[in-house]
Amino acid sequence: GLGWKKEDMKGKPIVNFIHPDDLAGAMMEMKKKERKYATRALKSNGKYCNMNIQAQEFGTNGNTFSIGMLTCCEKGCPDL
């Protein structure tokens, strides 16, 4: 994983954990209901890891939520 505790991430936007150079592309993907893209995600140790993200948006009573799966795509990632 990225090393974050649940309480460190809870309620924070995903953009807080995306590399600044990848932000524009990630924002374009986040406008879609179904998302599948690669980005660099911030780890708790301050380093970035190349991640594949698959996410799905859903909603109820006028509220929208997303759930996603982040998978490291670095073979032999030294920080995991």
N, C-alpha and C. Protein backbone atom coordinates (compact mmCIF):
# COMPACT_ATOMS: atom_id res chain seq x y z
N GLY A 1 0.79 -1.17 0.00
CA GLY A 1 0.00 0.00 0.00
C GLY A 1 0.84 1.25 0.00
N LEU A 2 0.16 2.33 0.16
CA LEU A 2 0.81 3.64 0.16
C LEU A 2 1.31 4.04 1.54
N GLY A 3 0.95 3.27 2.55
CA GLY A 3 1.46 3.53 3.89
C GLY A 3 0.63 4.50 4.71
N TRP A 4 -0.46 5.01 4.16
CA TRP A 4 -1.31 5.95 4.89
C TRP A 4 -2.26 5.19 5.80
N LYS A 5 -2.54 5.76 6.95
CA LYS A 5 -3.59 5.24 7.82
C LYS A 5 -4.92 5.75 7.28
N LYS A 6 -5.98 4.99 7.51
CA LYS A 6 -7.30 5.36 7.02
C LYS A 6 -7.67 6.77 7.46
N GLU A 7 -7.38 7.10 8.72
CA GLU A 7 -7.76 8.43 9.22
C GLU A 7 -6.95 9.56 8.58
N ASP A 8 -5.78 9.24 8.01
CA ASP A 8 -4.98 10.25 7.31
C ASP A 8 -5.56 10.59 5.95
N MET A 9 -6.34 9.66 5.38
CA MET A 9 -6.90 9.86 4.03
C MET A 9 -8.39 10.19 4.05
N LYS A 10 -9.06 9.77 5.09
CA LYS A 10 -10.51 9.93 5.16
C LYS A 10 -10.93 11.40 5.03
N GLY A 11 -11.86 11.64 4.11
CA GLY A 11 -12.40 12.98 3.91
C GLY A 11 -11.52 13.90 3.08
N LYS A 12 -10.37 13.42 2.64
CA LYS A 12 -9.47 14.25 1.82
C LYS A 12 -9.65 13.90 0.36
N PRO A 13 -9.62 14.89 -0.51
CA PRO A 13 -9.76 14.61 -1.94
C PRO A 13 -8.56 13.83 -2.47
N ILE A 14 -8.83 12.96 -3.42
CA ILE A 14 -7.77 12.14 -4.02
C ILE A 14 -6.67 13.00 -4.64
N VAL A 15 -7.02 14.20 -5.07
CA VAL A 15 -6.02 15.07 -5.70
C VAL A 15 -4.88 15.43 -4.73
N ASN A 16 -5.12 15.33 -3.44
CA ASN A 16 -4.06 15.58 -2.46
C ASN A 16 -2.96 14.53 -2.54
N PHE A 17 -3.24 13.40 -3.17
CA PHE A 17 -2.31 12.28 -3.20
C PHE A 17 -1.77 11.99 -4.60
N ILE A 18 -2.04 12.89 -5.55
CA ILE A 18 -1.58 12.71 -6.94
C ILE A 18 -0.45 13.68 -7.22
N HIS A 19 0.55 13.19 -7.95
CA HIS A 19 1.70 14.02 -8.31
C HIS A 19 1.22 15.25 -9.08
N PRO A 20 1.76 16.43 -8.76
CA PRO A 20 1.31 17.66 -9.42
C PRO A 20 1.38 17.61 -10.95
N ASP A 21 2.38 16.93 -11.51
CA ASP A 21 2.50 16.84 -12.97
C ASP A 21 1.43 15.95 -13.59
N ASP A 22 0.79 15.11 -12.80
CA ASP A 22 -0.25 14.20 -13.30
C ASP A 22 -1.65 14.72 -13.03
N LEU A 23 -1.75 15.84 -12.35
CA LEU A 23 -3.04 16.34 -11.88
C LEU A 23 -4.02 16.66 -13.01
N ALA A 24 -3.58 17.30 -14.08
CA ALA A 24 -4.49 17.69 -15.16
C ALA A 24 -5.13 16.45 -15.79
N GLY A 25 -4.33 15.43 -16.08
CA GLY A 25 -4.86 14.20 -16.67
C GLY A 25 -5.79 13.48 -15.72
N ALA A 26 -5.44 13.45 -14.45
CA ALA A 26 -6.27 12.79 -13.45
C ALA A 26 -7.61 13.51 -13.32
N MET A 27 -7.59 14.83 -13.37
CA MET A 27 -8.83 15.60 -13.25
C MET A 27 -9.75 15.31 -14.44
N MET A 28 -9.18 15.14 -15.63
CA MET A 28 -9.99 14.80 -16.82
C MET A 28 -10.65 13.43 -16.61
N GLU A 29 -9.89 12.47 -16.09
CA GLU A 29 -10.41 11.13 -15.85
C GLU A 29 -11.50 11.15 -14.78
N MET A 30 -11.35 11.97 -13.76
CA MET A 30 -12.30 12.00 -12.66
C MET A 30 -13.67 12.52 -13.07
N LYS A 31 -13.76 13.13 -14.24
CA LYS A 31 -15.05 13.60 -14.73
C LYS A 31 -15.88 12.46 -15.30
N LYS A 32 -15.25 11.31 -15.52
CA LYS A 32 -15.94 10.15 -16.08
C LYS A 32 -16.54 9.30 -14.96
N LYS A 33 -17.61 8.59 -15.26
CA LYS A 33 -18.22 7.69 -14.26
C LYS A 33 -17.36 6.46 -14.04
N GLU A 34 -16.77 5.95 -15.11
CA GLU A 34 -15.86 4.81 -15.02
C GLU A 34 -14.47 5.30 -15.39
N ARG A 35 -13.51 5.05 -14.51
CA ARG A 35 -12.16 5.58 -14.72
C ARG A 35 -11.13 4.46 -14.68
N LYS A 36 -10.18 4.56 -15.57
CA LYS A 36 -9.07 3.62 -15.59
C LYS A 36 -7.87 4.40 -16.13
N TYR A 37 -6.92 4.69 -15.25
CA TYR A 37 -5.78 5.48 -15.67
C TYR A 37 -4.57 5.20 -14.78
N ALA A 38 -3.42 5.66 -15.22
CA ALA A 38 -2.18 5.52 -14.46
C ALA A 38 -1.74 6.89 -13.97
N THR A 39 -1.20 6.93 -12.77
CA THR A 39 -0.72 8.18 -12.19
C THR A 39 0.34 7.87 -11.14
N ARG A 40 0.96 8.90 -10.64
CA ARG A 40 1.89 8.73 -9.52
C ARG A 40 1.16 9.16 -8.26
N ALA A 41 1.15 8.26 -7.28
CA ALA A 41 0.43 8.52 -6.03
C ALA A 41 1.43 8.75 -4.90
N LEU A 42 1.11 9.71 -4.05
CA LEU A 42 1.96 10.07 -2.92
C LEU A 42 1.86 9.02 -1.81
N LYS A 43 3.01 8.55 -1.38
CA LYS A 43 3.06 7.59 -0.29
C LYS A 43 3.30 8.34 1.02
N SER A 44 3.05 7.70 2.11
CA SER A 44 3.22 8.33 3.42
C SER A 44 4.67 8.70 3.70
N ASN A 45 5.62 8.06 3.00
CA ASN A 45 7.04 8.38 3.20
C ASN A 45 7.49 9.56 2.34
N GLY A 46 6.55 10.20 1.60
CA GLY A 46 6.87 11.36 0.79
C GLY A 46 7.31 11.05 -0.63
N LYS A 47 7.46 9.77 -0.97
CA LYS A 47 7.83 9.36 -2.33
C LYS A 47 6.57 9.08 -3.13
N TYR A 48 6.73 9.03 -4.44
CA TYR A 48 5.61 8.72 -5.33
C TYR A 48 5.78 7.33 -5.91
N CYS A 49 4.68 6.65 -6.10
CA CYS A 49 4.65 5.31 -6.67
C CYS A 49 3.76 5.33 -7.91
N ASN A 50 4.20 4.66 -8.97
CA ASN A 50 3.38 4.55 -10.18
C ASN A 50 2.23 3.60 -9.91
N MET A 51 1.02 4.11 -10.07
CA MET A 51 -0.17 3.34 -9.73
C MET A 51 -1.14 3.29 -10.91
N ASN A 52 -1.83 2.16 -11.03
CA ASN A 52 -2.99 2.06 -11.91
C ASN A 52 -4.20 2.26 -11.03
N ILE A 53 -5.13 3.07 -11.51
CA ILE A 53 -6.34 3.35 -10.74
C ILE A 53 -7.56 2.96 -11.58
N GLN A 54 -8.43 2.16 -10.96
CA GLN A 54 -9.72 1.83 -11.54
C GLN A 54 -10.76 2.33 -10.54
N ALA A 55 -11.71 3.11 -11.01
CA ALA A 55 -12.71 3.67 -10.11
C ALA A 55 -14.07 3.71 -10.79
N GLN A 56 -15.09 3.70 -9.97
CA GLN A 56 -16.47 3.74 -10.45
C GLN A 56 -17.24 4.76 -9.61
N GLU A 57 -17.99 5.60 -10.27
CA GLU A 57 -18.83 6.58 -9.57
C GLU A 57 -20.23 6.00 -9.42
N PHE A 58 -20.85 6.26 -8.29
CA PHE A 58 -22.23 5.85 -8.07
C PHE A 58 -22.90 6.92 -7.25
N GLY A 59 -24.22 6.89 -7.19
CA GLY A 59 -24.92 7.93 -6.45
C GLY A 59 -26.25 7.47 -5.91
N THR A 60 -26.69 8.21 -4.92
CA THR A 60 -27.99 7.96 -4.32
C THR A 60 -28.48 9.25 -3.66
N ASN A 61 -29.74 9.53 -3.77
CA ASN A 61 -30.36 10.71 -3.16
C ASN A 61 -29.62 12.01 -3.50
N GLY A 62 -29.15 12.13 -4.72
CA GLY A 62 -28.48 13.35 -5.15
C GLY A 62 -27.03 13.47 -4.75
N ASN A 63 -26.49 12.47 -4.06
CA ASN A 63 -25.08 12.48 -3.68
C ASN A 63 -24.32 11.51 -4.57
N THR A 64 -23.09 11.88 -4.95
CA THR A 64 -22.26 10.98 -5.73
C THR A 64 -21.02 10.59 -4.93
N PHE A 65 -20.61 9.36 -5.13
CA PHE A 65 -19.46 8.81 -4.44
C PHE A 65 -18.63 8.03 -5.46
N SER A 66 -17.39 7.78 -5.12
CA SER A 66 -16.54 6.95 -5.96
C SER A 66 -15.85 5.92 -5.09
N ILE A 67 -15.67 4.77 -5.67
CA ILE A 67 -14.89 3.73 -5.02
C ILE A 67 -13.86 3.27 -6.05
N GLY A 68 -12.66 3.03 -5.58
CA GLY A 68 -11.62 2.68 -6.53
C GLY A 68 -10.62 1.70 -5.97
N MET A 69 -9.84 1.15 -6.90
CA MET A 69 -8.78 0.21 -6.57
C MET A 69 -7.48 0.78 -7.13
N LEU A 70 -6.50 0.94 -6.25
CA LEU A 70 -5.18 1.42 -6.66
C LEU A 70 -4.22 0.24 -6.61
N THR A 71 -3.49 0.04 -7.69
CA THR A 71 -2.55 -1.06 -7.79
C THR A 71 -1.20 -0.53 -8.24
N CYS A 72 -0.16 -0.89 -7.51
CA CYS A 72 1.19 -0.48 -7.88
C CYS A 72 1.55 -1.15 -9.20
N CYS A 73 2.11 -0.40 -10.12
CA CYS A 73 2.51 -0.99 -11.41
C CYS A 73 4.02 -0.97 -11.59
N GLU A 74 4.76 -0.73 -10.49
CA GLU A 74 6.21 -0.79 -10.53
C GLU A 74 6.66 -2.18 -10.14
N LYS A 75 7.29 -2.86 -11.06
CA LYS A 75 7.76 -4.21 -10.77
C LYS A 75 8.85 -4.13 -9.70
N GLY A 76 8.65 -4.84 -8.61
CA GLY A 76 9.62 -4.85 -7.53
C GLY A 76 9.74 -3.51 -6.81
N CYS A 77 8.64 -2.79 -6.69
CA CYS A 77 8.65 -1.47 -6.04
C CYS A 77 9.37 -1.56 -4.69
N PRO A 78 10.43 -0.80 -4.50
CA PRO A 78 11.23 -0.92 -3.28
C PRO A 78 10.55 -0.37 -2.03
N ASP A 79 9.53 0.45 -2.19
CA ASP A 79 8.91 1.09 -1.04
C ASP A 79 7.70 0.36 -0.52
N LEU A 80 7.30 -0.74 -1.12
CA LEU A 80 6.09 -1.44 -0.66
C LEU A 80 6.42 -2.45 0.39
